[in-house]
Amino acid sequence: MGDQYDWLINAFFLVVTALIAWHGIRYRDADGKPDFVRLLFGCIAATYFFLVLFQDVLGIVRF
């Protein structure tokens, strides 16, 4: 796809993973307890969010 769409793809990926991470980490059931699976996938999404943000968008780190 080339370099012209890299920013758009990264921005879309960051928005989607941020929403998944926010929902997964902040979710509570009716009793106020977190759901393990949503918490797990929220943490995984947050990890990928920060990986793409720091490596591809900001260029601070290189893995």
PDB file of N, CA and C in Angstrom:
ATOM      1  N   MET A   1       0.807  -1.194   0.000  1.00  0.00           N
ATOM      2  CA  MET A   1       0.000   0.000   0.000  1.00  0.00           C
ATOM      3  C   MET A   1       0.850   1.258   0.000  1.00  0.00           C
ATOM      4  N   GLY A   2       2.031   1.207   0.474  1.00  0.00           N
ATOM      5  CA  GLY A   2       2.890   2.371   0.366  1.00  0.00           C
ATOM      6  C   GLY A   2       2.873   3.251   1.599  1.00  0.00           C
ATOM      7  N   ASP A   3       3.716   4.245   1.540  1.00  0.00           N
ATOM      8  CA  ASP A   3       3.896   5.132   2.680  1.00  0.00           C
ATOM      9  C   ASP A   3       2.753   6.126   2.864  1.00  0.00           C
ATOM     10  N   GLN A   4       1.983   6.379   1.839  1.00  0.00           N
ATOM     11  CA  GLN A   4       0.937   7.386   1.947  1.00  0.00           C
ATOM     12  C   GLN A   4      -0.216   6.948   2.849  1.00  0.00           C
ATOM     13  N   TYR A   5      -0.399   5.661   3.053  1.00  0.00           N
ATOM     14  CA  TYR A   5      -1.490   5.169   3.885  1.00  0.00           C
ATOM     15  C   TYR A   5      -1.034   4.707   5.262  1.00  0.00           C
ATOM     16  N   ASP A   6       0.249   4.768   5.538  1.00  0.00           N
ATOM     17  CA  ASP A   6       0.764   4.303   6.827  1.00  0.00           C
ATOM     18  C   ASP A   6       0.163   5.077   7.999  1.00  0.00           C
ATOM     19  N   TRP A   7       0.078   6.385   7.881  1.00  0.00           N
ATOM     20  CA  TRP A   7      -0.461   7.193   8.975  1.00  0.00           C
ATOM     21  C   TRP A   7      -1.931   6.856   9.222  1.00  0.00           C
ATOM     22  N   LEU A   8      -2.688   6.693   8.160  1.00  0.00           N
ATOM     23  CA  LEU A   8      -4.113   6.379   8.278  1.00  0.00           C
ATOM     24  C   LEU A   8      -4.324   5.006   8.912  1.00  0.00           C
ATOM     25  N   ILE A   9      -3.553   4.028   8.509  1.00  0.00           N
ATOM     26  CA  ILE A   9      -3.667   2.682   9.069  1.00  0.00           C
ATOM     27  C   ILE A   9      -3.261   2.679  10.529  1.00  0.00           C
ATOM     28  N   ASN A  10      -2.175   3.373  10.862  1.00  0.00           N
ATOM     29  CA  ASN A  10      -1.739   3.445  12.257  1.00  0.00           C
ATOM     30  C   ASN A  10      -2.759   4.162  13.127  1.00  0.00           C
ATOM     31  N   ALA A  11      -3.345   5.240  12.626  1.00  0.00           N
ATOM     32  CA  ALA A  11      -4.347   5.976  13.397  1.00  0.00           C
ATOM     33  C   ALA A  11      -5.586   5.110  13.636  1.00  0.00           C
ATOM     34  N   PHE A  12      -6.034   4.405  12.603  1.00  0.00           N
ATOM     35  CA  PHE A  12      -7.195   3.520  12.751  1.00  0.00           C
ATOM     36  C   PHE A  12      -6.902   2.407  13.753  1.00  0.00           C
ATOM     37  N   PHE A  13      -5.715   1.812  13.659  1.00  0.00           N
ATOM     38  CA  PHE A  13      -5.323   0.752  14.579  1.00  0.00           C
ATOM     39  C   PHE A  13      -5.269   1.262  16.013  1.00  0.00           C
ATOM     40  N   LEU A  14      -4.727   2.463  16.210  1.00  0.00           N
ATOM     41  CA  LEU A  14      -4.639   3.025  17.559  1.00  0.00           C
ATOM     42  C   LEU A  14      -6.015   3.302  18.144  1.00  0.00           C
ATOM     43  N   VAL A  15      -6.927   3.807  17.340  1.00  0.00           N
ATOM     44  CA  VAL A  15      -8.284   4.076  17.834  1.00  0.00           C
ATOM     45  C   VAL A  15      -8.985   2.783  18.227  1.00  0.00           C
ATOM     46  N   VAL A  16      -8.898   1.775  17.381  1.00  0.00           N
ATOM     47  CA  VAL A  16      -9.579   0.503  17.651  1.00  0.00           C
ATOM     48  C   VAL A  16      -8.987  -0.178  18.887  1.00  0.00           C
ATOM     49  N   THR A  17      -7.661  -0.257  18.974  1.00  0.00           N
ATOM     50  CA  THR A  17      -7.061  -0.919  20.131  1.00  0.00           C
ATOM     51  C   THR A  17      -7.277  -0.120  21.411  1.00  0.00           C
ATOM     52  N   ALA A  18      -7.326   1.206  21.320  1.00  0.00           N
ATOM     53  CA  ALA A  18      -7.614   2.011  22.514  1.00  0.00           C
ATOM     54  C   ALA A  18      -9.028   1.748  23.013  1.00  0.00           C
ATOM     55  N   LEU A  19      -9.983   1.643  22.110  1.00  0.00           N
ATOM     56  CA  LEU A  19     -11.365   1.360  22.522  1.00  0.00           C
ATOM     57  C   LEU A  19     -11.488  -0.040  23.125  1.00  0.00           C
ATOM     58  N   ILE A  20     -10.828  -1.018  22.533  1.00  0.00           N
ATOM     59  CA  ILE A  20     -10.865  -2.376  23.078  1.00  0.00           C
ATOM     60  C   ILE A  20     -10.214  -2.416  24.451  1.00  0.00           C
ATOM     61  N   ALA A  21      -9.068  -1.752  24.596  1.00  0.00           N
ATOM     62  CA  ALA A  21      -8.370  -1.733  25.887  1.00  0.00           C
ATOM     63  C   ALA A  21      -9.212  -1.019  26.941  1.00  0.00           C
ATOM     64  N   TRP A  22      -9.790   0.098  26.585  1.00  0.00           N
ATOM     65  CA  TRP A  22     -10.620   0.861  27.538  1.00  0.00           C
ATOM     66  C   TRP A  22     -11.801   0.024  28.008  1.00  0.00           C
ATOM     67  N   HIS A  23     -12.486  -0.606  27.085  1.00  0.00           N
ATOM     68  CA  HIS A  23     -13.642  -1.421  27.448  1.00  0.00           C
ATOM     69  C   HIS A  23     -13.226  -2.636  28.283  1.00  0.00           C
ATOM     70  N   GLY A  24     -12.169  -3.300  27.883  1.00  0.00           N
ATOM     71  CA  GLY A  24     -11.745  -4.512  28.577  1.00  0.00           C
ATOM     72  C   GLY A  24     -11.242  -4.251  29.982  1.00  0.00           C
ATOM     73  N   ILE A  25     -10.537  -3.155  30.170  1.00  0.00           N
ATOM     74  CA  ILE A  25      -9.971  -2.863  31.486  1.00  0.00           C
ATOM     75  C   ILE A  25     -11.018  -2.260  32.418  1.00  0.00           C
ATOM     76  N   ARG A  26     -11.916  -1.454  31.898  1.00  0.00           N
ATOM     77  CA  ARG A  26     -12.903  -0.765  32.733  1.00  0.00           C
ATOM     78  C   ARG A  26     -14.194  -1.557  32.959  1.00  0.00           C
ATOM     79  N   TYR A  27     -14.401  -2.683  32.281  1.00  0.00           N
ATOM     80  CA  TYR A  27     -15.656  -3.427  32.362  1.00  0.00           C
ATOM     81  C   TYR A  27     -15.856  -4.043  33.741  1.00  0.00           C
ATOM     82  N   ARG A  28     -17.072  -3.939  34.255  1.00  0.00           N
ATOM     83  CA  ARG A  28     -17.480  -4.590  35.499  1.00  0.00           C
ATOM     84  C   ARG A  28     -18.876  -5.184  35.284  1.00  0.00           C
ATOM     85  N   ASP A  29     -19.128  -6.337  35.907  1.00  0.00           N
ATOM     86  CA  ASP A  29     -20.454  -6.939  35.784  1.00  0.00           C
ATOM     87  C   ASP A  29     -21.410  -6.282  36.781  1.00  0.00           C
ATOM     88  N   ALA A  30     -22.594  -6.850  36.918  1.00  0.00           N
ATOM     89  CA  ALA A  30     -23.615  -6.256  37.788  1.00  0.00           C
ATOM     90  C   ALA A  30     -23.182  -6.234  39.252  1.00  0.00           C
ATOM     91  N   ASP A  31     -22.327  -7.170  39.648  1.00  0.00           N
ATOM     92  CA  ASP A  31     -21.847  -7.213  41.026  1.00  0.00           C
ATOM     93  C   ASP A  31     -20.623  -6.332  41.257  1.00  0.00           C
ATOM     94  N   GLY A  32     -20.111  -5.720  40.209  1.00  0.00           N
ATOM     95  CA  GLY A  32     -18.944  -4.857  40.323  1.00  0.00           C
ATOM     96  C   GLY A  32     -17.615  -5.575  40.190  1.00  0.00           C
ATOM     97  N   LYS A  33     -17.636  -6.814  39.732  1.00  0.00           N
ATOM     98  CA  LYS A  33     -16.410  -7.605  39.591  1.00  0.00           C
ATOM     99  C   LYS A  33     -15.940  -7.589  38.138  1.00  0.00           C
ATOM    100  N   PRO A  34     -14.630  -7.553  37.909  1.00  0.00           N
ATOM    101  CA  PRO A  34     -14.134  -7.577  36.531  1.00  0.00           C
ATOM    102  C   PRO A  34     -14.216  -8.986  35.939  1.00  0.00           C
ATOM    103  N   ASP A  35     -14.362  -9.041  34.643  1.00  0.00           N
ATOM    104  CA  ASP A  35     -14.375 -10.303  33.915  1.00  0.00           C
ATOM    105  C   ASP A  35     -12.946 -10.604  33.481  1.00  0.00           C
ATOM    106  N   PHE A  36     -12.439 -11.802  33.807  1.00  0.00           N
ATOM    107  CA  PHE A  36     -11.033 -12.134  33.551  1.00  0.00           C
ATOM    108  C   PHE A  36     -10.687 -12.077  32.071  1.00  0.00           C
ATOM    109  N   VAL A  37     -11.539 -12.610  31.218  1.00  0.00           N
ATOM    110  CA  VAL A  37     -11.233 -12.680  29.788  1.00  0.00           C
ATOM    111  C   VAL A  37     -11.204 -11.281  29.186  1.00  0.00           C
ATOM    112  N   ARG A  38     -12.160 -10.431  29.542  1.00  0.00           N
ATOM    113  CA  ARG A  38     -12.159  -9.060  29.027  1.00  0.00           C
ATOM    114  C   ARG A  38     -10.961  -8.285  29.554  1.00  0.00           C
ATOM    115  N   LEU A  39     -10.597  -8.519  30.798  1.00  0.00           N
ATOM    116  CA  LEU A  39      -9.423  -7.866  31.364  1.00  0.00           C
ATOM    117  C   LEU A  39      -8.151  -8.319  30.646  1.00  0.00           C
ATOM    118  N   LEU A  40      -8.052  -9.611  30.351  1.00  0.00           N
ATOM    119  CA  LEU A  40      -6.904 -10.145  29.635  1.00  0.00           C
ATOM    120  C   LEU A  40      -6.779  -9.530  28.246  1.00  0.00           C
ATOM    121  N   PHE A  41      -7.868  -9.533  27.474  1.00  0.00           N
ATOM    122  CA  PHE A  41      -7.814  -8.979  26.129  1.00  0.00           C
ATOM    123  C   PHE A  41      -7.652  -7.464  26.141  1.00  0.00           C
ATOM    124  N   GLY A  42      -8.150  -6.802  27.172  1.00  0.00           N
ATOM    125  CA  GLY A  42      -7.918  -5.370  27.312  1.00  0.00           C
ATOM    126  C   GLY A  42      -6.457  -5.059  27.535  1.00  0.00           C
ATOM    127  N   CYS A  43      -5.789  -5.863  28.335  1.00  0.00           N
ATOM    128  CA  CYS A  43      -4.351  -5.667  28.571  1.00  0.00           C
ATOM    129  C   CYS A  43      -3.529  -5.984  27.324  1.00  0.00           C
ATOM    130  N   ILE A  44      -3.930  -7.001  26.583  1.00  0.00           N
ATOM    131  CA  ILE A  44      -3.245  -7.312  25.329  1.00  0.00           C
ATOM    132  C   ILE A  44      -3.421  -6.171  24.332  1.00  0.00           C
ATOM    133  N   ALA A  45      -4.634  -5.637  24.233  1.00  0.00           N
ATOM    134  CA  ALA A  45      -4.882  -4.507  23.327  1.00  0.00           C
ATOM    135  C   ALA A  45      -4.092  -3.282  23.761  1.00  0.00           C
ATOM    136  N   ALA A  46      -3.976  -3.035  25.064  1.00  0.00           N
ATOM    137  CA  ALA A  46      -3.193  -1.895  25.549  1.00  0.00           C
ATOM    138  C   ALA A  46      -1.718  -2.069  25.215  1.00  0.00           C
ATOM    139  N   THR A  47      -1.219  -3.289  25.304  1.00  0.00           N
ATOM    140  CA  THR A  47       0.172  -3.554  24.953  1.00  0.00           C
ATOM    141  C   THR A  47       0.428  -3.245  23.481  1.00  0.00           C
ATOM    142  N   TYR A  48      -0.452  -3.719  22.598  1.00  0.00           N
ATOM    143  CA  TYR A  48      -0.288  -3.434  21.171  1.00  0.00           C
ATOM    144  C   TYR A  48      -0.464  -1.951  20.876  1.00  0.00           C
ATOM    145  N   PHE A  49      -1.366  -1.281  21.604  1.00  0.00           N
ATOM    146  CA  PHE A  49      -1.544   0.153  21.428  1.00  0.00           C
ATOM    147  C   PHE A  49      -0.237   0.895  21.689  1.00  0.00           C
ATOM    148  N   PHE A  50       0.396   0.604  22.833  1.00  0.00           N
ATOM    149  CA  PHE A  50       1.635   1.302  23.163  1.00  0.00           C
ATOM    150  C   PHE A  50       2.795   0.881  22.264  1.00  0.00           C
ATOM    151  N   LEU A  51       2.797  -0.373  21.819  1.00  0.00           N
ATOM    152  CA  LEU A  51       3.826  -0.818  20.875  1.00  0.00           C
ATOM    153  C   LEU A  51       3.775  -0.028  19.574  1.00  0.00           C
ATOM    154  N   VAL A  52       2.587   0.087  18.995  1.00  0.00           N
ATOM    155  CA  VAL A  52       2.442   0.809  17.730  1.00  0.00           C
ATOM    156  C   VAL A  52       2.674   2.302  17.942  1.00  0.00           C
ATOM    157  N   LEU A  53       2.180   2.843  19.047  1.00  0.00           N
ATOM    158  CA  LEU A  53       2.354   4.266  19.309  1.00  0.00           C
ATOM    159  C   LEU A  53       3.823   4.637  19.426  1.00  0.00           C
ATOM    160  N   PHE A  54       4.570   3.912  20.252  1.00  0.00           N
ATOM    161  CA  PHE A  54       5.963   4.275  20.494  1.00  0.00           C
ATOM    162  C   PHE A  54       6.901   3.874  19.362  1.00  0.00           C
ATOM    163  N   GLN A  55       6.589   2.795  18.653  1.00  0.00           N
ATOM    164  CA  GLN A  55       7.495   2.327  17.609  1.00  0.00           C
ATOM    165  C   GLN A  55       7.160   2.938  16.245  1.00  0.00           C
ATOM    166  N   ASP A  56       5.937   2.819  15.801  1.00  0.00           N
ATOM    167  CA  ASP A  56       5.595   3.220  14.441  1.00  0.00           C
ATOM    168  C   ASP A  56       5.224   4.702  14.322  1.00  0.00           C
ATOM    169  N   VAL A  57       4.479   5.216  15.292  1.00  0.00           N
ATOM    170  CA  VAL A  57       4.010   6.591  15.180  1.00  0.00           C
ATOM    171  C   VAL A  57       5.051   7.589  15.673  1.00  0.00           C
ATOM    172  N   LEU A  58       5.508   7.418  16.899  1.00  0.00           N
ATOM    173  CA  LEU A  58       6.455   8.374  17.473  1.00  0.00           C
ATOM    174  C   LEU A  58       7.904   8.060  17.135  1.00  0.00           C
ATOM    175  N   GLY A  59       8.223   6.809  16.867  1.00  0.00           N
ATOM    176  CA  GLY A  59       9.584   6.415  16.514  1.00  0.00           C
ATOM    177  C   GLY A  59      10.567   6.523  17.662  1.00  0.00           C
ATOM    178  N   ILE A  60      10.091   6.353  18.880  1.00  0.00           N
ATOM    179  CA  ILE A  60      10.952   6.484  20.061  1.00  0.00           C
ATOM    180  C   ILE A  60      11.783   5.238  20.281  1.00  0.00           C
ATOM    181  N   VAL A  61      11.182   4.066  20.134  1.00  0.00           N
ATOM    182  CA  VAL A  61      11.887   2.807  20.382  1.00  0.00           C
ATOM    183  C   VAL A  61      11.903   1.970  19.108  1.00  0.00           C
ATOM    184  N   ARG A  62      12.795   1.008  19.071  1.00  0.00           N
ATOM    185  CA  ARG A  62      12.891   0.097  17.940  1.00  0.00           C
ATOM    186  C   ARG A  62      13.062  -1.313  18.489  1.00  0.00           C
ATOM    187  N   PHE A  63      12.155  -2.227  18.113  1.00  0.00           N
ATOM    188  CA  PHE A  63      12.225  -3.604  18.579  1.00  0.00           C
ATOM    189  C   PHE A  63      12.720  -4.506  17.501  1.00  0.00           C
TER     190      PHE A  63
END
